[in-house]
Amino acid sequence: MTLSPKARESLLGLVRRSLAESAARLSAISKTSWDVPSLEVSTGSAEEGLSLPAGKDGGSHYGVYFIIPGGVFLVLYPQESGAAVAHAFMSGLGSEAKALPDLEPSALGEVSNILINTVSSAIGDACGMLVFLSAPEVRKGDRTELSHSAFDRLVVREDPSVVVGRAEMASPDLPGRCSVFFALNSAMAGQLAGALEG
């Protein structure tokens, strides 16, 4: 699976706009500013794409997973950042936060849903199809374990190649940050690339 320069730039623009919209919604709820300092898209095998290096974030992370037909999304929060993001989100909700069981994981699931919903909808719109996003699944563990678990959720058939997107999001007000990853299998990526080329 390869992306032409035009399709790659179009996909980067689509994801950048979607995450900017998500950041604006999250900022309005949490009363904190959010930005997207880095974003990249690459192609390769599913295992290579979702096997994340340990990076500078050791220790425990929250991972929030979402599935669409032909794709998987993962939002990773270092534990301290996850707690800060959840607190800011729940503070913004006020009394509504009391309805969330297991407050911290549930809050991160809702925050991640805000982040990912715009991206998945934009991908569906580009392909001319309705994309149903699964409910968030929240787990705790280290980065490598969580990323391998994301790979297990991706349906890869004959062609193991994927398109992978990676973005960093940060709020200097908290401070808090998260990493957003998505992988599309060759069938979904090919459909999206064809639409973006048109």
N, C-alpha and C. Protein backbone atom coordinates (compact mmCIF):
# COMPACT_ATOMS: atom_id res chain seq x y z
N MET A 1 0.85 -1.19 0.00
CA MET A 1 0.00 0.00 0.00
C MET A 1 0.88 1.24 0.00
N THR A 2 0.70 2.07 -0.99
CA THR A 2 1.43 3.34 -1.04
C THR A 2 0.44 4.48 -1.24
N LEU A 3 0.84 5.65 -0.79
CA LEU A 3 0.04 6.84 -0.99
C LEU A 3 0.78 7.78 -1.93
N SER A 4 0.09 8.31 -2.92
CA SER A 4 0.70 9.30 -3.78
C SER A 4 0.94 10.57 -2.96
N PRO A 5 1.86 11.43 -3.41
CA PRO A 5 2.07 12.70 -2.68
C PRO A 5 0.78 13.49 -2.51
N LYS A 6 -0.08 13.49 -3.54
CA LYS A 6 -1.34 14.23 -3.45
C LYS A 6 -2.25 13.63 -2.38
N ALA A 7 -2.38 12.29 -2.38
CA ALA A 7 -3.24 11.63 -1.39
C ALA A 7 -2.69 11.83 0.02
N ARG A 8 -1.38 11.75 0.18
CA ARG A 8 -0.76 11.93 1.50
C ARG A 8 -1.04 13.34 2.04
N GLU A 9 -0.83 14.34 1.20
CA GLU A 9 -1.08 15.73 1.64
C GLU A 9 -2.55 15.96 1.93
N SER A 10 -3.42 15.36 1.12
CA SER A 10 -4.86 15.51 1.35
C SER A 10 -5.26 14.85 2.67
N LEU A 11 -4.69 13.67 2.95
CA LEU A 11 -5.00 12.98 4.20
C LEU A 11 -4.47 13.76 5.40
N LEU A 12 -3.26 14.29 5.29
CA LEU A 12 -2.71 15.11 6.38
C LEU A 12 -3.62 16.32 6.64
N GLY A 13 -4.07 16.96 5.57
CA GLY A 13 -4.95 18.12 5.73
C GLY A 13 -6.27 17.74 6.37
N LEU A 14 -6.82 16.60 5.96
CA LEU A 14 -8.09 16.13 6.51
C LEU A 14 -7.96 15.86 8.02
N VAL A 15 -6.90 15.15 8.41
CA VAL A 15 -6.72 14.82 9.82
C VAL A 15 -6.39 16.08 10.62
N ARG A 16 -5.58 16.96 10.06
CA ARG A 16 -5.22 18.21 10.76
C ARG A 16 -6.46 19.05 11.04
N ARG A 17 -7.32 19.20 10.05
CA ARG A 17 -8.55 19.98 10.24
C ARG A 17 -9.47 19.32 11.27
N SER A 18 -9.56 18.00 11.20
CA SER A 18 -10.43 17.28 12.13
C SER A 18 -9.95 17.42 13.56
N LEU A 19 -8.64 17.26 13.78
CA LEU A 19 -8.10 17.37 15.13
C LEU A 19 -8.20 18.81 15.64
N ALA A 20 -8.06 19.79 14.75
CA ALA A 20 -8.23 21.19 15.17
C ALA A 20 -9.66 21.43 15.64
N GLU A 21 -10.62 20.84 14.93
CA GLU A 21 -12.02 20.96 15.35
C GLU A 21 -12.25 20.28 16.69
N SER A 22 -11.64 19.08 16.85
CA SER A 22 -11.75 18.37 18.13
C SER A 22 -11.13 19.17 19.27
N ALA A 23 -9.96 19.76 19.01
CA ALA A 23 -9.27 20.54 20.03
C ALA A 23 -10.12 21.73 20.45
N ALA A 24 -10.80 22.36 19.49
CA ALA A 24 -11.65 23.51 19.81
C ALA A 24 -12.82 23.07 20.69
N ARG A 25 -13.42 21.93 20.38
CA ARG A 25 -14.53 21.43 21.20
C ARG A 25 -14.06 21.09 22.61
N LEU A 26 -12.89 20.42 22.69
CA LEU A 26 -12.35 20.06 23.99
C LEU A 26 -11.99 21.30 24.81
N SER A 27 -11.45 22.32 24.15
CA SER A 27 -11.09 23.56 24.83
C SER A 27 -12.33 24.23 25.41
N ALA A 28 -13.43 24.19 24.66
CA ALA A 28 -14.66 24.83 25.12
C ALA A 28 -15.21 24.13 26.37
N ILE A 29 -15.09 22.80 26.42
CA ILE A 29 -15.61 22.05 27.56
C ILE A 29 -14.71 22.19 28.77
N SER A 30 -13.39 22.03 28.56
CA SER A 30 -12.45 21.96 29.69
C SER A 30 -11.91 23.32 30.10
N LYS A 31 -12.21 24.37 29.30
CA LYS A 31 -11.69 25.72 29.57
C LYS A 31 -10.16 25.73 29.58
N THR A 32 -9.57 24.91 28.73
CA THR A 32 -8.12 24.87 28.56
C THR A 32 -7.80 24.89 27.07
N SER A 33 -6.66 25.44 26.71
CA SER A 33 -6.27 25.48 25.30
C SER A 33 -5.61 24.16 24.90
N TRP A 34 -5.83 23.75 23.65
CA TRP A 34 -5.23 22.54 23.11
C TRP A 34 -4.68 22.83 21.72
N ASP A 35 -3.54 22.21 21.40
CA ASP A 35 -3.02 22.34 20.04
C ASP A 35 -2.46 21.01 19.57
N VAL A 36 -2.09 20.97 18.30
CA VAL A 36 -1.57 19.75 17.66
C VAL A 36 -0.18 20.07 17.13
N PRO A 37 0.86 19.90 17.96
CA PRO A 37 2.21 20.29 17.53
C PRO A 37 2.83 19.40 16.46
N SER A 38 2.38 18.16 16.34
CA SER A 38 2.98 17.30 15.31
C SER A 38 1.95 16.32 14.76
N LEU A 39 2.11 16.02 13.47
CA LEU A 39 1.22 15.09 12.78
C LEU A 39 1.99 14.48 11.62
N GLU A 40 1.89 13.17 11.45
CA GLU A 40 2.52 12.50 10.32
C GLU A 40 1.68 11.32 9.87
N VAL A 41 1.86 10.96 8.60
CA VAL A 41 1.18 9.81 8.03
C VAL A 41 2.23 8.97 7.33
N SER A 42 2.18 7.65 7.52
CA SER A 42 3.15 6.76 6.88
C SER A 42 2.46 5.49 6.41
N THR A 43 3.16 4.70 5.61
CA THR A 43 2.65 3.42 5.16
C THR A 43 3.65 2.34 5.54
N GLY A 44 3.16 1.12 5.65
CA GLY A 44 4.02 0.00 6.02
C GLY A 44 3.17 -1.17 6.44
N SER A 45 3.76 -2.10 7.15
CA SER A 45 3.00 -3.24 7.65
C SER A 45 2.29 -2.84 8.93
N ALA A 46 1.21 -3.53 9.23
CA ALA A 46 0.44 -3.21 10.43
C ALA A 46 1.30 -3.36 11.69
N GLU A 47 2.09 -4.43 11.74
CA GLU A 47 2.88 -4.67 12.95
C GLU A 47 3.92 -3.58 13.15
N GLU A 48 4.57 -3.15 12.06
CA GLU A 48 5.56 -2.07 12.17
C GLU A 48 4.89 -0.76 12.55
N GLY A 49 3.74 -0.52 11.96
CA GLY A 49 3.08 0.76 12.18
C GLY A 49 2.58 0.96 13.58
N LEU A 50 2.15 -0.11 14.25
CA LEU A 50 1.57 0.04 15.58
C LEU A 50 2.48 -0.43 16.69
N SER A 51 3.70 -0.87 16.35
CA SER A 51 4.67 -1.21 17.39
C SER A 51 5.43 0.06 17.74
N LEU A 52 4.99 0.75 18.75
CA LEU A 52 5.53 2.06 19.07
C LEU A 52 6.81 1.92 19.87
N PRO A 53 7.79 2.79 19.62
CA PRO A 53 8.98 2.78 20.46
C PRO A 53 8.62 3.21 21.87
N ALA A 54 9.44 2.84 22.82
CA ALA A 54 9.16 3.18 24.22
C ALA A 54 9.07 4.67 24.42
N GLY A 55 9.89 5.44 23.69
CA GLY A 55 9.83 6.90 23.77
C GLY A 55 10.26 7.40 25.13
N LYS A 56 9.98 8.67 25.38
CA LYS A 56 10.41 9.27 26.64
C LYS A 56 9.40 9.04 27.75
N ASP A 57 8.23 8.50 27.40
CA ASP A 57 7.18 8.30 28.40
C ASP A 57 7.25 6.89 28.94
N GLY A 58 7.97 6.69 30.02
CA GLY A 58 7.96 5.41 30.68
C GLY A 58 6.74 5.32 31.59
N GLY A 59 6.60 4.20 32.26
CA GLY A 59 5.51 4.08 33.22
C GLY A 59 4.17 3.77 32.59
N SER A 60 3.17 3.87 33.41
CA SER A 60 1.83 3.47 33.02
C SER A 60 1.14 4.52 32.15
N HIS A 61 0.32 4.04 31.21
CA HIS A 61 -0.47 4.89 30.32
C HIS A 61 -1.92 4.42 30.33
N TYR A 62 -2.80 5.34 30.02
CA TYR A 62 -4.16 4.97 29.65
C TYR A 62 -4.20 4.85 28.12
N GLY A 63 -4.83 3.80 27.63
CA GLY A 63 -5.06 3.64 26.21
C GLY A 63 -6.54 3.55 25.95
N VAL A 64 -7.03 4.32 24.99
CA VAL A 64 -8.45 4.30 24.64
C VAL A 64 -8.57 3.88 23.18
N TYR A 65 -9.30 2.79 22.94
CA TYR A 65 -9.41 2.19 21.61
C TYR A 65 -10.79 2.45 21.00
N PHE A 66 -10.77 2.62 19.68
CA PHE A 66 -12.00 2.70 18.89
C PHE A 66 -11.80 1.88 17.62
N ILE A 67 -12.88 1.28 17.13
CA ILE A 67 -12.82 0.49 15.91
C ILE A 67 -13.80 1.06 14.90
N ILE A 68 -13.40 1.11 13.62
CA ILE A 68 -14.31 1.33 12.51
C ILE A 68 -14.06 0.20 11.52
N PRO A 69 -14.96 -0.05 10.58
CA PRO A 69 -14.68 -1.09 9.58
C PRO A 69 -13.38 -0.77 8.83
N GLY A 70 -12.40 -1.65 8.96
CA GLY A 70 -11.13 -1.45 8.27
C GLY A 70 -10.15 -0.53 8.98
N GLY A 71 -10.42 -0.18 10.24
CA GLY A 71 -9.51 0.74 10.92
C GLY A 71 -9.58 0.65 12.43
N VAL A 72 -8.53 1.14 13.06
CA VAL A 72 -8.46 1.18 14.52
C VAL A 72 -7.84 2.50 14.95
N PHE A 73 -8.31 3.04 16.06
CA PHE A 73 -7.78 4.28 16.64
C PHE A 73 -7.33 4.00 18.06
N LEU A 74 -6.26 4.64 18.46
CA LEU A 74 -5.74 4.52 19.82
C LEU A 74 -5.32 5.91 20.31
N VAL A 75 -5.81 6.29 21.48
CA VAL A 75 -5.37 7.53 22.12
C VAL A 75 -4.62 7.14 23.39
N LEU A 76 -3.38 7.57 23.50
CA LEU A 76 -2.52 7.24 24.64
C LEU A 76 -2.29 8.46 25.52
N TYR A 77 -2.49 8.29 26.83
CA TYR A 77 -2.24 9.34 27.81
C TYR A 77 -1.25 8.83 28.85
N PRO A 78 -0.09 9.49 29.04
CA PRO A 78 0.71 9.16 30.22
C PRO A 78 -0.17 9.33 31.45
N GLN A 79 0.05 8.52 32.48
CA GLN A 79 -0.89 8.48 33.61
C GLN A 79 -1.14 9.86 34.22
N GLU A 80 -0.08 10.64 34.45
CA GLU A 80 -0.27 11.96 35.06
C GLU A 80 -1.08 12.87 34.15
N SER A 81 -0.79 12.86 32.86
CA SER A 81 -1.54 13.67 31.91
C SER A 81 -3.00 13.22 31.85
N GLY A 82 -3.20 11.91 31.88
CA GLY A 82 -4.56 11.39 31.85
C GLY A 82 -5.38 11.90 33.02
N ALA A 83 -4.78 11.90 34.21
CA ALA A 83 -5.49 12.40 35.39
C ALA A 83 -5.82 13.88 35.24
N ALA A 84 -4.86 14.67 34.73
CA ALA A 84 -5.08 16.11 34.56
C ALA A 84 -6.16 16.39 33.52
N VAL A 85 -6.13 15.65 32.40
CA VAL A 85 -7.13 15.83 31.35
C VAL A 85 -8.51 15.45 31.86
N ALA A 86 -8.60 14.31 32.56
CA ALA A 86 -9.89 13.86 33.09
C ALA A 86 -10.45 14.88 34.07
N HIS A 87 -9.61 15.42 34.95
CA HIS A 87 -10.07 16.40 35.94
C HIS A 87 -10.60 17.66 35.26
N ALA A 88 -9.86 18.16 34.25
CA ALA A 88 -10.29 19.37 33.55
C ALA A 88 -11.61 19.13 32.83
N PHE A 89 -11.75 17.94 32.22
CA PHE A 89 -12.98 17.62 31.50
C PHE A 89 -14.16 17.54 32.47
N MET A 90 -13.96 16.85 33.60
CA MET A 90 -15.05 16.70 34.56
C MET A 90 -15.42 18.04 35.20
N SER A 91 -14.43 18.89 35.42
CA SER A 91 -14.72 20.22 35.96
C SER A 91 -15.58 21.01 34.98
N GLY A 92 -15.29 20.87 33.68
CA GLY A 92 -16.06 21.57 32.66
C GLY A 92 -17.49 21.08 32.57
N LEU A 93 -17.71 19.78 32.90
CA LEU A 93 -19.05 19.22 32.85
C LEU A 93 -19.90 19.62 34.05
N GLY A 94 -19.25 19.99 35.14
CA GLY A 94 -19.98 20.36 36.35
C GLY A 94 -20.72 19.18 36.93
N SER A 95 -22.00 19.37 37.24
CA SER A 95 -22.79 18.34 37.91
C SER A 95 -23.00 17.10 37.04
N GLU A 96 -22.88 17.25 35.71
CA GLU A 96 -23.05 16.11 34.81
C GLU A 96 -21.98 15.04 35.04
N ALA A 97 -20.83 15.45 35.58
CA ALA A 97 -19.74 14.50 35.79
C ALA A 97 -20.10 13.42 36.79
N LYS A 98 -21.05 13.71 37.67
CA LYS A 98 -21.43 12.72 38.69
C LYS A 98 -22.08 11.50 38.05
N ALA A 99 -22.56 11.64 36.83
CA ALA A 99 -23.21 10.51 36.15
C ALA A 99 -22.20 9.54 35.55
N LEU A 100 -20.90 9.89 35.57
CA LEU A 100 -19.88 9.02 34.98
C LEU A 100 -19.36 8.04 36.03
N PRO A 101 -19.60 6.73 35.84
CA PRO A 101 -19.03 5.76 36.77
C PRO A 101 -17.53 5.63 36.53
N ASP A 102 -16.78 5.26 37.58
CA ASP A 102 -15.31 5.14 37.45
C ASP A 102 -14.79 6.38 36.74
N LEU A 103 -14.86 7.51 37.41
CA LEU A 103 -14.76 8.82 36.77
C LEU A 103 -13.57 8.99 35.83
N GLU A 104 -12.36 8.65 36.27
CA GLU A 104 -11.20 8.96 35.44
C GLU A 104 -11.20 8.21 34.11
N PRO A 105 -11.32 6.87 34.11
CA PRO A 105 -11.36 6.16 32.82
C PRO A 105 -12.55 6.59 31.96
N SER A 106 -13.71 6.79 32.57
CA SER A 106 -14.88 7.18 31.80
C SER A 106 -14.68 8.56 31.17
N ALA A 107 -14.09 9.48 31.93
CA ALA A 107 -13.84 10.82 31.40
C ALA A 107 -12.87 10.76 30.23
N LEU A 108 -11.82 9.94 30.34
CA LEU A 108 -10.87 9.82 29.23
C LEU A 108 -11.51 9.17 28.01
N GLY A 109 -12.44 8.25 28.25
CA GLY A 109 -13.18 7.68 27.13
C GLY A 109 -13.99 8.74 26.41
N GLU A 110 -14.63 9.63 27.18
CA GLU A 110 -15.43 10.70 26.56
C GLU A 110 -14.55 11.71 25.84
N VAL A 111 -13.43 12.09 26.46
CA VAL A 111 -12.49 13.02 25.80
C VAL A 111 -11.99 12.42 24.49
N SER A 112 -11.60 11.17 24.53
CA SER A 112 -11.09 10.50 23.34
C SER A 112 -12.15 10.40 22.26
N ASN A 113 -13.39 10.19 22.66
CA ASN A 113 -14.49 10.14 21.71
C ASN A 113 -14.62 11.47 20.96
N ILE A 114 -14.44 12.58 21.69
CA ILE A 114 -14.47 13.90 21.06
C ILE A 114 -13.34 14.02 20.03
N LEU A 115 -12.14 13.55 20.42
CA LEU A 115 -10.98 13.65 19.54
C LEU A 115 -11.14 12.81 18.27
N ILE A 116 -11.62 11.58 18.44
CA ILE A 116 -11.62 10.62 17.33
C ILE A 116 -12.86 10.75 16.45
N ASN A 117 -13.98 11.16 17.02
CA ASN A 117 -15.22 11.19 16.25
C ASN A 117 -15.10 12.06 15.01
N THR A 118 -14.47 13.23 15.14
CA THR A 118 -14.35 14.11 13.97
C THR A 118 -13.45 13.50 12.90
N VAL A 119 -12.40 12.80 13.33
CA VAL A 119 -11.48 12.17 12.37
C VAL A 119 -12.18 11.04 11.62
N SER A 120 -12.85 10.16 12.37
CA SER A 120 -13.52 9.03 11.72
C SER A 120 -14.64 9.52 10.80
N SER A 121 -15.36 10.55 11.22
CA SER A 121 -16.43 11.10 10.37
C SER A 121 -15.86 11.71 9.09
N ALA A 122 -14.72 12.40 9.22
CA ALA A 122 -14.09 13.01 8.04
C ALA A 122 -13.61 11.95 7.07
N ILE A 123 -13.07 10.85 7.59
CA ILE A 123 -12.64 9.74 6.72
C ILE A 123 -13.84 9.16 5.99
N GLY A 124 -14.93 8.95 6.73
CA GLY A 124 -16.14 8.44 6.10
C GLY A 124 -16.69 9.37 5.05
N ASP A 125 -16.72 10.67 5.36
CA ASP A 125 -17.23 11.66 4.40
C ASP A 125 -16.38 11.66 3.13
N ALA A 126 -15.05 11.57 3.30
CA ALA A 126 -14.16 11.56 2.13
C ALA A 126 -14.43 10.35 1.24
N CYS A 127 -14.78 9.23 1.87
CA CYS A 127 -15.05 7.99 1.12
C CYS A 127 -16.49 7.90 0.64
N GLY A 128 -17.33 8.86 1.07
CA GLY A 128 -18.74 8.80 0.69
C GLY A 128 -19.48 7.69 1.38
N MET A 129 -19.11 7.39 2.64
CA MET A 129 -19.75 6.30 3.37
C MET A 129 -20.00 6.72 4.81
N LEU A 130 -20.97 6.07 5.43
CA LEU A 130 -21.27 6.30 6.84
C LEU A 130 -20.38 5.39 7.67
N VAL A 131 -19.58 5.97 8.56
CA VAL A 131 -18.66 5.21 9.38
C VAL A 131 -19.19 5.15 10.81
N PHE A 132 -19.36 3.95 11.32
CA PHE A 132 -19.83 3.78 12.70
C PHE A 132 -18.63 3.54 13.60
N LEU A 133 -18.46 4.41 14.58
CA LEU A 133 -17.36 4.33 15.53
C LEU A 133 -17.81 3.52 16.73
N SER A 134 -16.98 2.57 17.15
CA SER A 134 -17.33 1.76 18.32
C SER A 134 -17.31 2.61 19.58
N ALA A 135 -17.89 2.09 20.65
CA ALA A 135 -17.78 2.73 21.95
C ALA A 135 -16.32 2.68 22.40
N PRO A 136 -15.87 3.65 23.19
CA PRO A 136 -14.47 3.62 23.65
C PRO A 136 -14.21 2.46 24.60
N GLU A 137 -13.05 1.86 24.44
CA GLU A 137 -12.57 0.83 25.37
C GLU A 137 -11.31 1.37 26.03
N VAL A 138 -11.33 1.50 27.35
CA VAL A 138 -10.22 2.10 28.09
C VAL A 138 -9.44 1.01 28.81
N ARG A 139 -8.11 1.03 28.60
CA ARG A 139 -7.23 0.09 29.30
C ARG A 139 -6.04 0.84 29.88
N LYS A 140 -5.38 0.21 30.83
CA LYS A 140 -4.19 0.80 31.44
C LYS A 140 -3.03 -0.17 31.28
N GLY A 141 -1.84 0.36 30.93
CA GLY A 141 -0.67 -0.49 30.75
C GLY A 141 0.48 0.33 30.23
N ASP A 142 1.54 -0.33 29.71
CA ASP A 142 2.64 0.43 29.12
C ASP A 142 2.39 0.63 27.63
N ARG A 143 3.13 1.56 27.04
CA ARG A 143 2.90 1.94 25.64
C ARG A 143 2.96 0.75 24.69
N THR A 144 3.97 -0.09 24.86
CA THR A 144 4.16 -1.21 23.94
C THR A 144 3.00 -2.19 24.02
N GLU A 145 2.59 -2.52 25.24
CA GLU A 145 1.47 -3.45 25.43
C GLU A 145 0.19 -2.89 24.81
N LEU A 146 -0.06 -1.61 25.03
CA LEU A 146 -1.28 -1.00 24.53
C LEU A 146 -1.27 -0.92 23.00
N SER A 147 -0.11 -0.62 22.41
CA SER A 147 -0.05 -0.53 20.94
C SER A 147 -0.21 -1.90 20.29
N HIS A 148 0.37 -2.94 20.90
CA HIS A 148 0.20 -4.29 20.36
C HIS A 148 -1.27 -4.70 20.42
N SER A 149 -1.94 -4.28 21.49
CA SER A 149 -3.35 -4.59 21.62
C SER A 149 -4.17 -3.91 20.53
N ALA A 150 -3.74 -2.71 20.12
CA ALA A 150 -4.41 -2.02 19.01
C ALA A 150 -4.25 -2.82 17.72
N PHE A 151 -3.04 -3.34 17.47
CA PHE A 151 -2.79 -4.15 16.28
C PHE A 151 -3.71 -5.37 16.25
N ASP A 152 -3.93 -5.97 17.42
CA ASP A 152 -4.80 -7.15 17.49
C ASP A 152 -6.23 -6.83 17.07
N ARG A 153 -6.63 -5.57 17.18
CA ARG A 153 -8.00 -5.18 16.84
C ARG A 153 -8.18 -4.85 15.36
N LEU A 154 -7.08 -4.71 14.63
CA LEU A 154 -7.16 -4.34 13.23
C LEU A 154 -7.34 -5.57 12.36
N VAL A 155 -8.37 -5.56 11.53
CA VAL A 155 -8.63 -6.69 10.64
C VAL A 155 -7.76 -6.55 9.40
N VAL A 156 -6.76 -7.42 9.28
CA VAL A 156 -5.86 -7.42 8.12
C VAL A 156 -6.02 -8.76 7.42
N ARG A 157 -6.33 -8.71 6.12
CA ARG A 157 -6.55 -9.96 5.38
C ARG A 157 -5.31 -10.29 4.56
N GLU A 158 -5.46 -10.48 3.24
CA GLU A 158 -4.33 -10.94 2.43
C GLU A 158 -3.19 -9.93 2.41
N ASP A 159 -3.52 -8.65 2.30
CA ASP A 159 -2.51 -7.61 2.18
C ASP A 159 -2.26 -7.01 3.57
N PRO A 160 -1.07 -7.22 4.16
CA PRO A 160 -0.82 -6.74 5.52
C PRO A 160 -0.43 -5.27 5.61
N SER A 161 -0.41 -4.56 4.48
CA SER A 161 0.03 -3.17 4.51
C SER A 161 -1.07 -2.27 5.08
N VAL A 162 -0.65 -1.19 5.71
CA VAL A 162 -1.58 -0.26 6.35
C VAL A 162 -1.10 1.17 6.12
N VAL A 163 -2.02 2.10 6.34
CA VAL A 163 -1.69 3.52 6.45
C VAL A 163 -1.84 3.88 7.92
N VAL A 164 -0.81 4.50 8.47
CA VAL A 164 -0.79 4.84 9.90
C VAL A 164 -0.64 6.34 10.06
N GLY A 165 -1.45 6.92 10.94
CA GLY A 165 -1.33 8.33 11.29
C GLY A 165 -0.95 8.47 12.74
N ARG A 166 -0.11 9.46 13.03
CA ARG A 166 0.31 9.73 14.41
C ARG A 166 0.25 11.23 14.65
N ALA A 167 -0.36 11.64 15.75
CA ALA A 167 -0.43 13.05 16.10
C ALA A 167 -0.17 13.21 17.59
N GLU A 168 0.46 14.30 17.94
CA GLU A 168 0.64 14.67 19.34
C GLU A 168 -0.28 15.85 19.63
N MET A 169 -0.99 15.78 20.74
CA MET A 169 -1.83 16.89 21.18
C MET A 169 -1.40 17.30 22.58
N ALA A 170 -1.45 18.61 22.85
CA ALA A 170 -0.95 19.10 24.13
C ALA A 170 -1.77 20.28 24.61
N SER A 171 -1.89 20.39 25.92
CA SER A 171 -2.51 21.55 26.55
C SER A 171 -1.52 22.13 27.56
N PRO A 172 -0.91 23.26 27.24
CA PRO A 172 0.03 23.87 28.18
C PRO A 172 -0.64 24.37 29.45
N ASP A 173 -1.96 24.51 29.43
CA ASP A 173 -2.67 25.02 30.60
C ASP A 173 -2.74 24.00 31.73
N LEU A 174 -2.65 22.71 31.43
CA LEU A 174 -2.87 21.71 32.48
C LEU A 174 -1.65 21.43 33.37
N PRO A 175 -0.50 21.02 32.91
CA PRO A 175 -0.16 20.58 31.55
C PRO A 175 -0.67 19.16 31.31
N GLY A 176 -1.03 18.89 30.09
CA GLY A 176 -1.51 17.56 29.73
C GLY A 176 -1.25 17.31 28.27
N ARG A 177 -1.12 16.05 27.89
CA ARG A 177 -0.87 15.72 26.50
C ARG A 177 -1.34 14.29 26.22
N CYS A 178 -1.47 14.00 24.94
CA CYS A 178 -1.83 12.66 24.53
C CYS A 178 -1.30 12.43 23.12
N SER A 179 -1.21 11.16 22.75
CA SER A 179 -0.81 10.76 21.40
C SER A 179 -2.00 10.08 20.75
N VAL A 180 -2.29 10.48 19.52
CA VAL A 180 -3.40 9.91 18.76
C VAL A 180 -2.83 9.11 17.60
N PHE A 181 -3.25 7.86 17.49
CA PHE A 181 -2.79 6.97 16.42
C PHE A 181 -3.99 6.38 15.70
N PHE A 182 -3.84 6.19 14.40
CA PHE A 182 -4.85 5.41 13.68
C PHE A 182 -4.16 4.56 12.64
N ALA A 183 -4.77 3.43 12.32
CA ALA A 183 -4.28 2.54 11.27
C ALA A 183 -5.46 2.09 10.43
N LEU A 184 -5.30 2.16 9.12
CA LEU A 184 -6.33 1.72 8.18
C LEU A 184 -5.77 0.55 7.37
N ASN A 185 -6.53 -0.53 7.26
CA ASN A 185 -6.03 -1.66 6.48
C ASN A 185 -6.02 -1.31 5.00
N SER A 186 -5.47 -2.20 4.19
CA SER A 186 -5.24 -1.86 2.77
C SER A 186 -6.54 -1.59 2.03
N ALA A 187 -7.62 -2.30 2.39
CA ALA A 187 -8.89 -2.09 1.69
C ALA A 187 -9.44 -0.69 2.00
N MET A 188 -9.48 -0.33 3.27
CA MET A 188 -10.01 0.97 3.66
C MET A 188 -9.09 2.09 3.17
N ALA A 189 -7.78 1.88 3.32
CA ALA A 189 -6.82 2.89 2.88
C ALA A 189 -6.88 3.09 1.37
N GLY A 190 -7.06 2.01 0.63
CA GLY A 190 -7.16 2.12 -0.82
C GLY A 190 -8.39 2.90 -1.24
N GLN A 191 -9.52 2.64 -0.57
CA GLN A 191 -10.74 3.38 -0.86
C GLN A 191 -10.56 4.87 -0.55
N LEU A 192 -9.93 5.16 0.58
CA LEU A 192 -9.71 6.55 0.98
C LEU A 192 -8.75 7.25 0.01
N ALA A 193 -7.67 6.55 -0.35
CA ALA A 193 -6.70 7.14 -1.28
C ALA A 193 -7.35 7.44 -2.62
N GLY A 194 -8.19 6.52 -3.11
CA GLY A 194 -8.86 6.76 -4.37
C GLY A 194 -9.77 7.99 -4.31
N ALA A 195 -10.46 8.15 -3.17
CA ALA A 195 -11.33 9.32 -3.01
C ALA A 195 -10.52 10.61 -2.94
N LEU A 196 -9.38 10.57 -2.26
CA LEU A 196 -8.55 11.75 -2.11
C LEU A 196 -7.85 12.13 -3.41
N GLU A 197 -7.64 11.15 -4.28
CA GLU A 197 -7.01 11.40 -5.57
C GLU A 197 -7.99 12.05 -6.55
N GLY A 198 -9.29 11.82 -6.32
CA GLY A 198 -10.31 12.28 -7.25
C GLY A 198 -10.48 13.78 -7.29
